[in-house]
Amino acid sequence: MTQTQPAYRRQKDVVELTSLSRVTLWRMVQRGEFPKPVQLSPGRVGYPAAAVDAWIAQRQGTGELAA
């Protein structure tokens, strides 16, 4: 059986993947420098996994994000 990737990532997972703090992540979203989270249900948001992965790939390509 194959394991599928989640469509959305929790903030905790995004922070871990990017090594950004929660505050820096929030600031980058506010400035339009990071994908906006999506409201999934009351009190629950998720970051689109494909957009986060694309952002990471772009940063790795420019040398701005250490792998």
N, C-alpha and C. Protein backbone atom coordinates (compact mmCIF):
# COMPACT_ATOMS: atom_id res chain seq x y z
N MET A 1 0.83 -1.17 0.00
CA MET A 1 0.00 0.00 0.00
C MET A 1 0.88 1.24 0.00
N THR A 2 0.55 2.23 -0.84
CA THR A 2 1.35 3.44 -0.91
C THR A 2 0.81 4.48 0.06
N GLN A 3 1.73 5.22 0.62
CA GLN A 3 1.35 6.27 1.56
C GLN A 3 1.22 7.58 0.80
N THR A 4 0.08 8.24 0.95
CA THR A 4 -0.13 9.49 0.24
C THR A 4 0.33 10.66 1.10
N GLN A 5 0.74 11.72 0.44
CA GLN A 5 1.16 12.93 1.13
C GLN A 5 -0.08 13.74 1.50
N PRO A 6 -0.02 14.43 2.62
CA PRO A 6 -1.18 15.24 3.01
C PRO A 6 -1.35 16.43 2.07
N ALA A 7 -2.60 16.84 1.86
CA ALA A 7 -2.87 18.00 1.01
C ALA A 7 -2.51 19.28 1.73
N TYR A 8 -2.56 19.26 3.07
CA TYR A 8 -2.26 20.43 3.87
C TYR A 8 -1.27 20.07 4.97
N ARG A 9 -0.47 21.05 5.35
CA ARG A 9 0.49 20.83 6.43
C ARG A 9 0.12 21.70 7.62
N ARG A 10 0.30 21.14 8.82
CA ARG A 10 0.07 21.92 10.04
C ARG A 10 1.19 22.95 10.20
N GLN A 11 0.89 24.01 10.94
CA GLN A 11 1.89 25.05 11.15
C GLN A 11 3.15 24.46 11.80
N LYS A 12 2.96 23.55 12.74
CA LYS A 12 4.09 22.91 13.41
C LYS A 12 5.00 22.21 12.38
N ASP A 13 4.39 21.54 11.41
CA ASP A 13 5.16 20.84 10.39
C ASP A 13 5.88 21.82 9.46
N VAL A 14 5.21 22.92 9.12
CA VAL A 14 5.82 23.94 8.25
C VAL A 14 7.01 24.57 8.95
N VAL A 15 6.87 24.88 10.23
CA VAL A 15 7.96 25.45 11.01
C VAL A 15 9.16 24.49 11.03
N GLU A 16 8.87 23.22 11.22
CA GLU A 16 9.93 22.22 11.25
C GLU A 16 10.61 22.07 9.88
N LEU A 17 9.83 22.04 8.82
CA LEU A 17 10.38 21.88 7.47
C LEU A 17 11.23 23.07 7.02
N THR A 18 10.80 24.27 7.39
CA THR A 18 11.46 25.49 6.89
C THR A 18 12.49 26.06 7.84
N SER A 19 12.48 25.63 9.09
CA SER A 19 13.34 26.18 10.14
C SER A 19 13.02 27.65 10.43
N LEU A 20 11.82 28.09 10.07
CA LEU A 20 11.38 29.44 10.39
C LEU A 20 10.63 29.40 11.71
N SER A 21 10.68 30.49 12.46
CA SER A 21 9.88 30.56 13.67
C SER A 21 8.42 30.82 13.29
N ARG A 22 7.52 30.62 14.23
CA ARG A 22 6.10 30.87 13.97
C ARG A 22 5.87 32.33 13.63
N VAL A 23 6.57 33.23 14.33
CA VAL A 23 6.40 34.66 14.10
C VAL A 23 6.93 35.05 12.72
N THR A 24 8.09 34.54 12.36
CA THR A 24 8.65 34.83 11.04
C THR A 24 7.75 34.30 9.95
N LEU A 25 7.21 33.12 10.13
CA LEU A 25 6.28 32.54 9.17
C LEU A 25 5.07 33.46 9.01
N TRP A 26 4.49 33.90 10.13
CA TRP A 26 3.34 34.80 10.10
C TRP A 26 3.67 36.09 9.36
N ARG A 27 4.84 36.67 9.66
CA ARG A 27 5.24 37.92 9.00
C ARG A 27 5.41 37.73 7.49
N MET A 28 5.99 36.62 7.10
CA MET A 28 6.19 36.35 5.68
C MET A 28 4.85 36.18 4.96
N VAL A 29 3.88 35.53 5.61
CA VAL A 29 2.55 35.39 5.02
C VAL A 29 1.93 36.78 4.86
N GLN A 30 2.05 37.63 5.87
CA GLN A 30 1.48 38.97 5.82
C GLN A 30 2.09 39.81 4.69
N ARG A 31 3.38 39.60 4.41
CA ARG A 31 4.06 40.34 3.33
C ARG A 31 3.88 39.68 1.97
N GLY A 32 3.23 38.54 1.92
CA GLY A 32 3.04 37.84 0.65
C GLY A 32 4.26 37.06 0.20
N GLU A 33 5.15 36.76 1.13
CA GLU A 33 6.39 36.05 0.82
C GLU A 33 6.30 34.55 1.08
N PHE A 34 5.16 34.10 1.60
CA PHE A 34 4.97 32.69 1.90
C PHE A 34 3.51 32.36 1.63
N PRO A 35 3.20 31.15 1.19
CA PRO A 35 1.81 30.78 0.90
C PRO A 35 0.90 30.97 2.11
N LYS A 36 -0.29 31.50 1.87
CA LYS A 36 -1.26 31.72 2.94
C LYS A 36 -1.89 30.40 3.37
N PRO A 37 -2.15 30.28 4.67
CA PRO A 37 -2.86 29.10 5.15
C PRO A 37 -4.33 29.15 4.73
N VAL A 38 -4.96 27.99 4.72
CA VAL A 38 -6.37 27.85 4.34
C VAL A 38 -7.16 27.43 5.57
N GLN A 39 -8.31 28.04 5.78
CA GLN A 39 -9.19 27.66 6.89
C GLN A 39 -9.83 26.32 6.55
N LEU A 40 -9.52 25.29 7.32
CA LEU A 40 -10.04 23.95 7.06
C LEU A 40 -11.33 23.69 7.84
N SER A 41 -11.40 24.23 9.03
CA SER A 41 -12.59 24.13 9.89
C SER A 41 -12.43 25.20 10.96
N PRO A 42 -13.45 25.42 11.76
CA PRO A 42 -13.30 26.42 12.82
C PRO A 42 -12.11 26.08 13.73
N GLY A 43 -11.21 27.01 13.86
CA GLY A 43 -10.05 26.79 14.72
C GLY A 43 -8.94 25.96 14.11
N ARG A 44 -9.05 25.63 12.85
CA ARG A 44 -8.03 24.77 12.21
C ARG A 44 -7.65 25.33 10.84
N VAL A 45 -6.36 25.57 10.65
CA VAL A 45 -5.86 26.02 9.35
C VAL A 45 -4.78 25.07 8.90
N GLY A 46 -4.53 25.06 7.61
CA GLY A 46 -3.47 24.24 7.04
C GLY A 46 -2.82 24.98 5.89
N TYR A 47 -1.55 24.74 5.72
CA TYR A 47 -0.82 25.33 4.61
C TYR A 47 -0.85 24.33 3.45
N PRO A 48 -1.23 24.78 2.25
CA PRO A 48 -1.26 23.85 1.11
C PRO A 48 0.13 23.20 0.92
N ALA A 49 0.17 21.90 1.01
CA ALA A 49 1.45 21.17 0.94
C ALA A 49 2.19 21.44 -0.36
N ALA A 50 1.48 21.46 -1.47
CA ALA A 50 2.15 21.68 -2.76
C ALA A 50 2.79 23.07 -2.81
N ALA A 51 2.10 24.07 -2.26
CA ALA A 51 2.64 25.43 -2.26
C ALA A 51 3.85 25.54 -1.34
N VAL A 52 3.79 24.90 -0.19
CA VAL A 52 4.92 24.91 0.74
C VAL A 52 6.11 24.20 0.11
N ASP A 53 5.88 23.04 -0.49
CA ASP A 53 6.96 22.30 -1.15
C ASP A 53 7.58 23.11 -2.29
N ALA A 54 6.76 23.81 -3.06
CA ALA A 54 7.27 24.64 -4.16
C ALA A 54 8.09 25.80 -3.60
N TRP A 55 7.64 26.40 -2.50
CA TRP A 55 8.38 27.50 -1.88
C TRP A 55 9.74 27.01 -1.41
N ILE A 56 9.77 25.83 -0.77
CA ILE A 56 11.03 25.26 -0.30
C ILE A 56 11.96 24.97 -1.48
N ALA A 57 11.43 24.37 -2.55
CA ALA A 57 12.24 24.06 -3.73
C ALA A 57 12.81 25.32 -4.35
N GLN A 58 12.01 26.37 -4.41
CA GLN A 58 12.49 27.65 -4.97
C GLN A 58 13.63 28.20 -4.11
N ARG A 59 13.46 28.18 -2.82
CA ARG A 59 14.49 28.71 -1.91
C ARG A 59 15.77 27.87 -1.99
N GLN A 60 15.63 26.57 -2.10
CA GLN A 60 16.80 25.71 -2.21
C GLN A 60 17.54 25.98 -3.51
N GLY A 61 16.79 26.26 -4.57
CA GLY A 61 17.40 26.55 -5.87
C GLY A 61 18.20 27.83 -5.87
N THR A 62 17.82 28.80 -5.02
CA THR A 62 18.53 30.07 -4.97
C THR A 62 19.56 30.11 -3.84
N GLY A 63 19.63 29.04 -3.06
CA GLY A 63 20.59 28.98 -1.97
C GLY A 63 20.16 29.75 -0.74
N GLU A 64 18.88 30.15 -0.65
CA GLU A 64 18.40 30.92 0.49
C GLU A 64 17.94 30.06 1.65
N LEU A 65 17.81 28.77 1.43
CA LEU A 65 17.34 27.88 2.49
C LEU A 65 18.29 26.71 2.60
N ALA A 66 18.82 26.51 3.79
CA ALA A 66 19.74 25.39 3.98
C ALA A 66 18.93 24.11 4.08
N ALA A 67 19.38 23.07 3.39
CA ALA A 67 18.64 21.80 3.39
C ALA A 67 18.95 21.00 4.63
